[in-house]
Amino acid sequence: MEACTETGKSSWPELVGVNGEVAAEVMVRENPKVGAVIVKEGMMVTMDYRCDRVRVWVDKYGIVKETPQIG
């Protein structure tokens, strides 16, 4: 895994259980160096690690299911 330096806040455990769109807005506001990408349950994603991305894993209701973190 690549080390990210100077990235600011890198994980948001407090957003588990929150609406994914709302969570994405909070993450970008708290760390403008990252972009939040909503990922629905079952979607396939690339395995690359990026210091400027946070994947927001949501269930079928759009609720965050796991701690969003940089990667």
PDB file of N, CA and C in Angstrom:
ATOM      1  N   MET A   1       0.838  -1.183   0.000  1.00  0.00           N
ATOM      2  CA  MET A   1       0.000   0.000   0.000  1.00  0.00           C
ATOM      3  C   MET A   1       0.884   1.247   0.000  1.00  0.00           C
ATOM      4  N   GLU A   2       0.491   2.179  -0.775  1.00  0.00           N
ATOM      5  CA  GLU A   2       1.224   3.436  -0.910  1.00  0.00           C
ATOM      6  C   GLU A   2       0.987   4.321   0.315  1.00  0.00           C
ATOM      7  N   ALA A   3       2.022   5.005   0.730  1.00  0.00           N
ATOM      8  CA  ALA A   3       1.882   5.927   1.860  1.00  0.00           C
ATOM      9  C   ALA A   3       1.471   7.300   1.352  1.00  0.00           C
ATOM     10  N   CYS A   4       0.457   7.851   1.957  1.00  0.00           N
ATOM     11  CA  CYS A   4      -0.002   9.188   1.587  1.00  0.00           C
ATOM     12  C   CYS A   4       0.497  10.167   2.646  1.00  0.00           C
ATOM     13  N   THR A   5       1.186  11.177   2.215  1.00  0.00           N
ATOM     14  CA  THR A   5       1.668  12.181   3.155  1.00  0.00           C
ATOM     15  C   THR A   5       0.920  13.485   2.930  1.00  0.00           C
ATOM     16  N   GLU A   6       0.752  14.230   3.996  1.00  0.00           N
ATOM     17  CA  GLU A   6       0.102  15.538   3.909  1.00  0.00           C
ATOM     18  C   GLU A   6      -1.305  15.457   3.322  1.00  0.00           C
ATOM     19  N   THR A   7      -2.047  14.425   3.671  1.00  0.00           N
ATOM     20  CA  THR A   7      -3.385  14.273   3.099  1.00  0.00           C
ATOM     21  C   THR A   7      -4.485  14.842   3.983  1.00  0.00           C
ATOM     22  N   GLY A   8      -4.158  15.228   5.219  1.00  0.00           N
ATOM     23  CA  GLY A   8      -5.195  15.706   6.128  1.00  0.00           C
ATOM     24  C   GLY A   8      -5.965  14.530   6.700  1.00  0.00           C
ATOM     25  N   LYS A   9      -7.217  14.756   7.051  1.00  0.00           N
ATOM     26  CA  LYS A   9      -8.039  13.694   7.633  1.00  0.00           C
ATOM     27  C   LYS A   9      -8.149  12.552   6.627  1.00  0.00           C
ATOM     28  N   SER A  10      -8.011  11.298   7.114  1.00  0.00           N
ATOM     29  CA  SER A  10      -7.970  10.173   6.186  1.00  0.00           C
ATOM     30  C   SER A  10      -9.050   9.113   6.402  1.00  0.00           C
ATOM     31  N   SER A  11      -9.806   9.185   7.501  1.00  0.00           N
ATOM     32  CA  SER A  11     -10.915   8.254   7.685  1.00  0.00           C
ATOM     33  C   SER A  11     -12.028   8.922   8.487  1.00  0.00           C
ATOM     34  N   TRP A  12     -13.246   8.410   8.284  1.00  0.00           N
ATOM     35  CA  TRP A  12     -14.429   9.029   8.866  1.00  0.00           C
ATOM     36  C   TRP A  12     -15.345   7.975   9.485  1.00  0.00           C
ATOM     37  N   PRO A  13     -14.941   7.348  10.598  1.00  0.00           N
ATOM     38  CA  PRO A  13     -15.794   6.321  11.220  1.00  0.00           C
ATOM     39  C   PRO A  13     -17.130   6.875  11.715  1.00  0.00           C
ATOM     40  N   GLU A  14     -17.154   8.154  12.018  1.00  0.00           N
ATOM     41  CA  GLU A  14     -18.386   8.767  12.522  1.00  0.00           C
ATOM     42  C   GLU A  14     -19.488   8.845  11.477  1.00  0.00           C
ATOM     43  N   LEU A  15     -19.161   8.573  10.206  1.00  0.00           N
ATOM     44  CA  LEU A  15     -20.154   8.674   9.133  1.00  0.00           C
ATOM     45  C   LEU A  15     -20.830   7.342   8.792  1.00  0.00           C
ATOM     46  N   VAL A  16     -20.443   6.259   9.446  1.00  0.00           N
ATOM     47  CA  VAL A  16     -21.140   4.982   9.238  1.00  0.00           C
ATOM     48  C   VAL A  16     -22.573   5.156   9.725  1.00  0.00           C
ATOM     49  N   GLY A  17     -23.536   4.769   8.893  1.00  0.00           N
ATOM     50  CA  GLY A  17     -24.953   4.905   9.239  1.00  0.00           C
ATOM     51  C   GLY A  17     -25.592   6.171   8.707  1.00  0.00           C
ATOM     52  N   VAL A  18     -24.781   7.046   8.083  1.00  0.00           N
ATOM     53  CA  VAL A  18     -25.260   8.316   7.534  1.00  0.00           C
ATOM     54  C   VAL A  18     -25.572   8.129   6.050  1.00  0.00           C
ATOM     55  N   ASN A  19     -26.452   8.948   5.500  1.00  0.00           N
ATOM     56  CA  ASN A  19     -26.717   8.953   4.061  1.00  0.00           C
ATOM     57  C   ASN A  19     -25.409   9.191   3.303  1.00  0.00           C
ATOM     58  N   GLY A  20     -25.148   8.405   2.254  1.00  0.00           N
ATOM     59  CA  GLY A  20     -23.896   8.482   1.511  1.00  0.00           C
ATOM     60  C   GLY A  20     -23.617   9.828   0.878  1.00  0.00           C
ATOM     61  N   GLU A  21     -24.640  10.473   0.334  1.00  0.00           N
ATOM     62  CA  GLU A  21     -24.451  11.783  -0.295  1.00  0.00           C
ATOM     63  C   GLU A  21     -24.046  12.827   0.749  1.00  0.00           C
ATOM     64  N   VAL A  22     -24.696  12.775   1.887  1.00  0.00           N
ATOM     65  CA  VAL A  22     -24.366  13.694   2.985  1.00  0.00           C
ATOM     66  C   VAL A  22     -22.939  13.426   3.461  1.00  0.00           C
ATOM     67  N   ALA A  23     -22.606  12.141   3.626  1.00  0.00           N
ATOM     68  CA  ALA A  23     -21.266  11.768   4.072  1.00  0.00           C
ATOM     69  C   ALA A  23     -20.204  12.272   3.103  1.00  0.00           C
ATOM     70  N   ALA A  24     -20.448  12.140   1.805  1.00  0.00           N
ATOM     71  CA  ALA A  24     -19.487  12.595   0.796  1.00  0.00           C
ATOM     72  C   ALA A  24     -19.241  14.093   0.921  1.00  0.00           C
ATOM     73  N   GLU A  25     -20.295  14.863   1.135  1.00  0.00           N
ATOM     74  CA  GLU A  25     -20.154  16.312   1.296  1.00  0.00           C
ATOM     75  C   GLU A  25     -19.313  16.646   2.527  1.00  0.00           C
ATOM     76  N   VAL A  26     -19.544  15.929   3.626  1.00  0.00           N
ATOM     77  CA  VAL A  26     -18.787  16.156   4.861  1.00  0.00           C
ATOM     78  C   VAL A  26     -17.307  15.872   4.627  1.00  0.00           C
ATOM     79  N   MET A  27     -17.011  14.747   3.972  1.00  0.00           N
ATOM     80  CA  MET A  27     -15.613  14.362   3.746  1.00  0.00           C
ATOM     81  C   MET A  27     -14.865  15.393   2.905  1.00  0.00           C
ATOM     82  N   VAL A  28     -15.481  15.861   1.842  1.00  0.00           N
ATOM     83  CA  VAL A  28     -14.826  16.843   0.970  1.00  0.00           C
ATOM     84  C   VAL A  28     -14.666  18.178   1.698  1.00  0.00           C
ATOM     85  N   ARG A  29     -15.633  18.526   2.533  1.00  0.00           N
ATOM     86  CA  ARG A  29     -15.532  19.766   3.305  1.00  0.00           C
ATOM     87  C   ARG A  29     -14.403  19.662   4.329  1.00  0.00           C
ATOM     88  N   GLU A  30     -14.275  18.492   4.988  1.00  0.00           N
ATOM     89  CA  GLU A  30     -13.243  18.312   6.007  1.00  0.00           C
ATOM     90  C   GLU A  30     -11.854  18.080   5.421  1.00  0.00           C
ATOM     91  N   ASN A  31     -11.792  17.575   4.189  1.00  0.00           N
ATOM     92  CA  ASN A  31     -10.500  17.361   3.528  1.00  0.00           C
ATOM     93  C   ASN A  31     -10.654  17.652   2.033  1.00  0.00           C
ATOM     94  N   PRO A  32     -10.435  18.906   1.629  1.00  0.00           N
ATOM     95  CA  PRO A  32     -10.618  19.282   0.228  1.00  0.00           C
ATOM     96  C   PRO A  32      -9.614  18.643  -0.736  1.00  0.00           C
ATOM     97  N   LYS A  33      -8.624  17.914  -0.216  1.00  0.00           N
ATOM     98  CA  LYS A  33      -7.636  17.250  -1.081  1.00  0.00           C
ATOM     99  C   LYS A  33      -8.152  15.928  -1.645  1.00  0.00           C
ATOM    100  N   VAL A  34      -9.336  15.488  -1.200  1.00  0.00           N
ATOM    101  CA  VAL A  34      -9.877  14.215  -1.670  1.00  0.00           C
ATOM    102  C   VAL A  34     -11.211  14.398  -2.369  1.00  0.00           C
ATOM    103  N   GLY A  35     -11.513  13.441  -3.218  1.00  0.00           N
ATOM    104  CA  GLY A  35     -12.825  13.363  -3.841  1.00  0.00           C
ATOM    105  C   GLY A  35     -13.523  12.127  -3.313  1.00  0.00           C
ATOM    106  N   ALA A  36     -14.796  12.243  -3.016  1.00  0.00           N
ATOM    107  CA  ALA A  36     -15.567  11.117  -2.488  1.00  0.00           C
ATOM    108  C   ALA A  36     -16.329  10.454  -3.628  1.00  0.00           C
ATOM    109  N   VAL A  37     -16.246   9.127  -3.688  1.00  0.00           N
ATOM    110  CA  VAL A  37     -16.912   8.344  -4.725  1.00  0.00           C
ATOM    111  C   VAL A  37     -17.882   7.389  -4.043  1.00  0.00           C
ATOM    112  N   ILE A  38     -19.165   7.509  -4.363  1.00  0.00           N
ATOM    113  CA  ILE A  38     -20.181   6.625  -3.789  1.00  0.00           C
ATOM    114  C   ILE A  38     -20.122   5.289  -4.528  1.00  0.00           C
ATOM    115  N   VAL A  39     -20.047   4.196  -3.768  1.00  0.00           N
ATOM    116  CA  VAL A  39     -20.002   2.851  -4.343  1.00  0.00           C
ATOM    117  C   VAL A  39     -21.125   2.029  -3.709  1.00  0.00           C
ATOM    118  N   LYS A  40     -22.034   1.525  -4.549  1.00  0.00           N
ATOM    119  CA  LYS A  40     -23.152   0.724  -4.041  1.00  0.00           C
ATOM    120  C   LYS A  40     -22.717  -0.713  -3.811  1.00  0.00           C
ATOM    121  N   GLU A  41     -23.361  -1.356  -2.836  1.00  0.00           N
ATOM    122  CA  GLU A  41     -23.090  -2.770  -2.532  1.00  0.00           C
ATOM    123  C   GLU A  41     -23.080  -3.588  -3.809  1.00  0.00           C
ATOM    124  N   GLY A  42     -22.072  -4.446  -3.951  1.00  0.00           N
ATOM    125  CA  GLY A  42     -22.005  -5.338  -5.091  1.00  0.00           C
ATOM    126  C   GLY A  42     -21.308  -4.778  -6.317  1.00  0.00           C
ATOM    127  N   MET A  43     -21.030  -3.470  -6.329  1.00  0.00           N
ATOM    128  CA  MET A  43     -20.346  -2.885  -7.480  1.00  0.00           C
ATOM    129  C   MET A  43     -18.892  -3.317  -7.504  1.00  0.00           C
ATOM    130  N   MET A  44     -18.368  -3.488  -8.705  1.00  0.00           N
ATOM    131  CA  MET A  44     -16.954  -3.818  -8.855  1.00  0.00           C
ATOM    132  C   MET A  44     -16.168  -2.513  -8.915  1.00  0.00           C
ATOM    133  N   VAL A  45     -14.984  -2.530  -8.316  1.00  0.00           N
ATOM    134  CA  VAL A  45     -14.114  -1.348  -8.327  1.00  0.00           C
ATOM    135  C   VAL A  45     -12.689  -1.782  -8.655  1.00  0.00           C
ATOM    136  N   THR A  46     -11.884  -0.837  -9.087  1.00  0.00           N
ATOM    137  CA  THR A  46     -10.475  -1.126  -9.334  1.00  0.00           C
ATOM    138  C   THR A  46      -9.765  -1.303  -7.994  1.00  0.00           C
ATOM    139  N   MET A  47      -8.626  -1.960  -8.015  1.00  0.00           N
ATOM    140  CA  MET A  47      -7.891  -2.228  -6.790  1.00  0.00           C
ATOM    141  C   MET A  47      -6.765  -1.217  -6.568  1.00  0.00           C
ATOM    142  N   ASP A  48      -6.681  -0.199  -7.396  1.00  0.00           N
ATOM    143  CA  ASP A  48      -5.612   0.795  -7.237  1.00  0.00           C
ATOM    144  C   ASP A  48      -5.824   1.624  -5.979  1.00  0.00           C
ATOM    145  N   TYR A  49      -4.725   2.074  -5.404  1.00  0.00           N
ATOM    146  CA  TYR A  49      -4.755   2.889  -4.187  1.00  0.00           C
ATOM    147  C   TYR A  49      -4.447   4.321  -4.573  1.00  0.00           C
ATOM    148  N   ARG A  50      -5.346   5.240  -4.214  1.00  0.00           N
ATOM    149  CA  ARG A  50      -5.148   6.645  -4.563  1.00  0.00           C
ATOM    150  C   ARG A  50      -5.311   7.527  -3.335  1.00  0.00           C
ATOM    151  N   CYS A  51      -4.369   8.427  -3.158  1.00  0.00           N
ATOM    152  CA  CYS A  51      -4.369   9.335  -2.006  1.00  0.00           C
ATOM    153  C   CYS A  51      -5.404  10.447  -2.130  1.00  0.00           C
ATOM    154  N   ASP A  52      -5.996  10.594  -3.300  1.00  0.00           N
ATOM    155  CA  ASP A  52      -6.960  11.677  -3.513  1.00  0.00           C
ATOM    156  C   ASP A  52      -8.393  11.164  -3.624  1.00  0.00           C
ATOM    157  N   ARG A  53      -8.642   9.906  -3.185  1.00  0.00           N
ATOM    158  CA  ARG A  53      -9.972   9.330  -3.326  1.00  0.00           C
ATOM    159  C   ARG A  53     -10.423   8.681  -2.021  1.00  0.00           C
ATOM    160  N   VAL A  54     -11.704   8.839  -1.735  1.00  0.00           N
ATOM    161  CA  VAL A  54     -12.356   8.117  -0.638  1.00  0.00           C
ATOM    162  C   VAL A  54     -13.560   7.414  -1.238  1.00  0.00           C
ATOM    163  N   ARG A  55     -13.593   6.106  -1.089  1.00  0.00           N
ATOM    164  CA  ARG A  55     -14.773   5.365  -1.536  1.00  0.00           C
ATOM    165  C   ARG A  55     -15.768   5.322  -0.392  1.00  0.00           C
ATOM    166  N   VAL A  56     -17.015   5.630  -0.722  1.00  0.00           N
ATOM    167  CA  VAL A  56     -18.090   5.638   0.272  1.00  0.00           C
ATOM    168  C   VAL A  56     -18.993   4.448  -0.061  1.00  0.00           C
ATOM    169  N   TRP A  57     -18.828   3.352   0.676  1.00  0.00           N
ATOM    170  CA  TRP A  57     -19.600   2.129   0.427  1.00  0.00           C
ATOM    171  C   TRP A  57     -20.977   2.253   1.068  1.00  0.00           C
ATOM    172  N   VAL A  58     -22.016   2.159   0.236  1.00  0.00           N
ATOM    173  CA  VAL A  58     -23.389   2.315   0.722  1.00  0.00           C
ATOM    174  C   VAL A  58     -24.219   1.077   0.412  1.00  0.00           C
ATOM    175  N   ASP A  59     -25.273   0.882   1.205  1.00  0.00           N
ATOM    176  CA  ASP A  59     -26.194  -0.227   0.968  1.00  0.00           C
ATOM    177  C   ASP A  59     -27.255   0.192  -0.046  1.00  0.00           C
ATOM    178  N   LYS A  60     -28.239  -0.657  -0.272  1.00  0.00           N
ATOM    179  CA  LYS A  60     -29.264  -0.366  -1.286  1.00  0.00           C
ATOM    180  C   LYS A  60     -30.127   0.834  -0.918  1.00  0.00           C
ATOM    181  N   TYR A  61     -30.053   1.274   0.334  1.00  0.00           N
ATOM    182  CA  TYR A  61     -30.801   2.451   0.766  1.00  0.00           C
ATOM    183  C   TYR A  61     -29.951   3.724   0.733  1.00  0.00           C
ATOM    184  N   GLY A  62     -28.668   3.586   0.333  1.00  0.00           N
ATOM    185  CA  GLY A  62     -27.782   4.740   0.257  1.00  0.00           C
ATOM    186  C   GLY A  62     -27.127   5.108   1.578  1.00  0.00           C
ATOM    187  N   ILE A  63     -27.125   4.173   2.528  1.00  0.00           N
ATOM    188  CA  ILE A  63     -26.560   4.410   3.862  1.00  0.00           C
ATOM    189  C   ILE A  63     -25.133   3.864   3.916  1.00  0.00           C
ATOM    190  N   VAL A  64     -24.203   4.638   4.483  1.00  0.00           N
ATOM    191  CA  VAL A  64     -22.803   4.231   4.587  1.00  0.00           C
ATOM    192  C   VAL A  64     -22.709   2.977   5.472  1.00  0.00           C
ATOM    193  N   LYS A  65     -22.046   1.923   4.938  1.00  0.00           N
ATOM    194  CA  LYS A  65     -21.973   0.633   5.626  1.00  0.00           C
ATOM    195  C   LYS A  65     -20.625   0.340   6.279  1.00  0.00           C
ATOM    196  N   GLU A  66     -19.557   1.014   5.849  1.00  0.00           N
ATOM    197  CA  GLU A  66     -18.246   0.801   6.459  1.00  0.00           C
ATOM    198  C   GLU A  66     -17.505   2.114   6.506  1.00  0.00           C
ATOM    199  N   THR A  67     -16.500   2.183   7.345  1.00  0.00           N
ATOM    200  CA  THR A  67     -15.756   3.427   7.541  1.00  0.00           C
ATOM    201  C   THR A  67     -15.118   3.907   6.238  1.00  0.00           C
ATOM    202  N   PRO A  68     -15.516   5.081   5.759  1.00  0.00           N
ATOM    203  CA  PRO A  68     -14.861   5.636   4.569  1.00  0.00           C
ATOM    204  C   PRO A  68     -13.422   6.037   4.920  1.00  0.00           C
ATOM    205  N   GLN A  69     -12.492   5.709   4.026  1.00  0.00           N
ATOM    206  CA  GLN A  69     -11.103   6.086   4.240  1.00  0.00           C
ATOM    207  C   GLN A  69     -10.399   6.287   2.903  1.00  0.00           C
ATOM    208  N   ILE A  70      -9.338   7.064   2.937  1.00  0.00           N
ATOM    209  CA  ILE A  70      -8.561   7.338   1.741  1.00  0.00           C
ATOM    210  C   ILE A  70      -8.033   6.036   1.169  1.00  0.00           C
ATOM    211  N   GLY A  71      -8.059   5.950  -0.129  1.00  0.00           N
ATOM    212  CA  GLY A  71      -7.533   4.776  -0.812  1.00  0.00           C
ATOM    213  C   GLY A  71      -8.200   4.610  -2.101  1.00  0.00           C
TER     214      GLY A  71
END
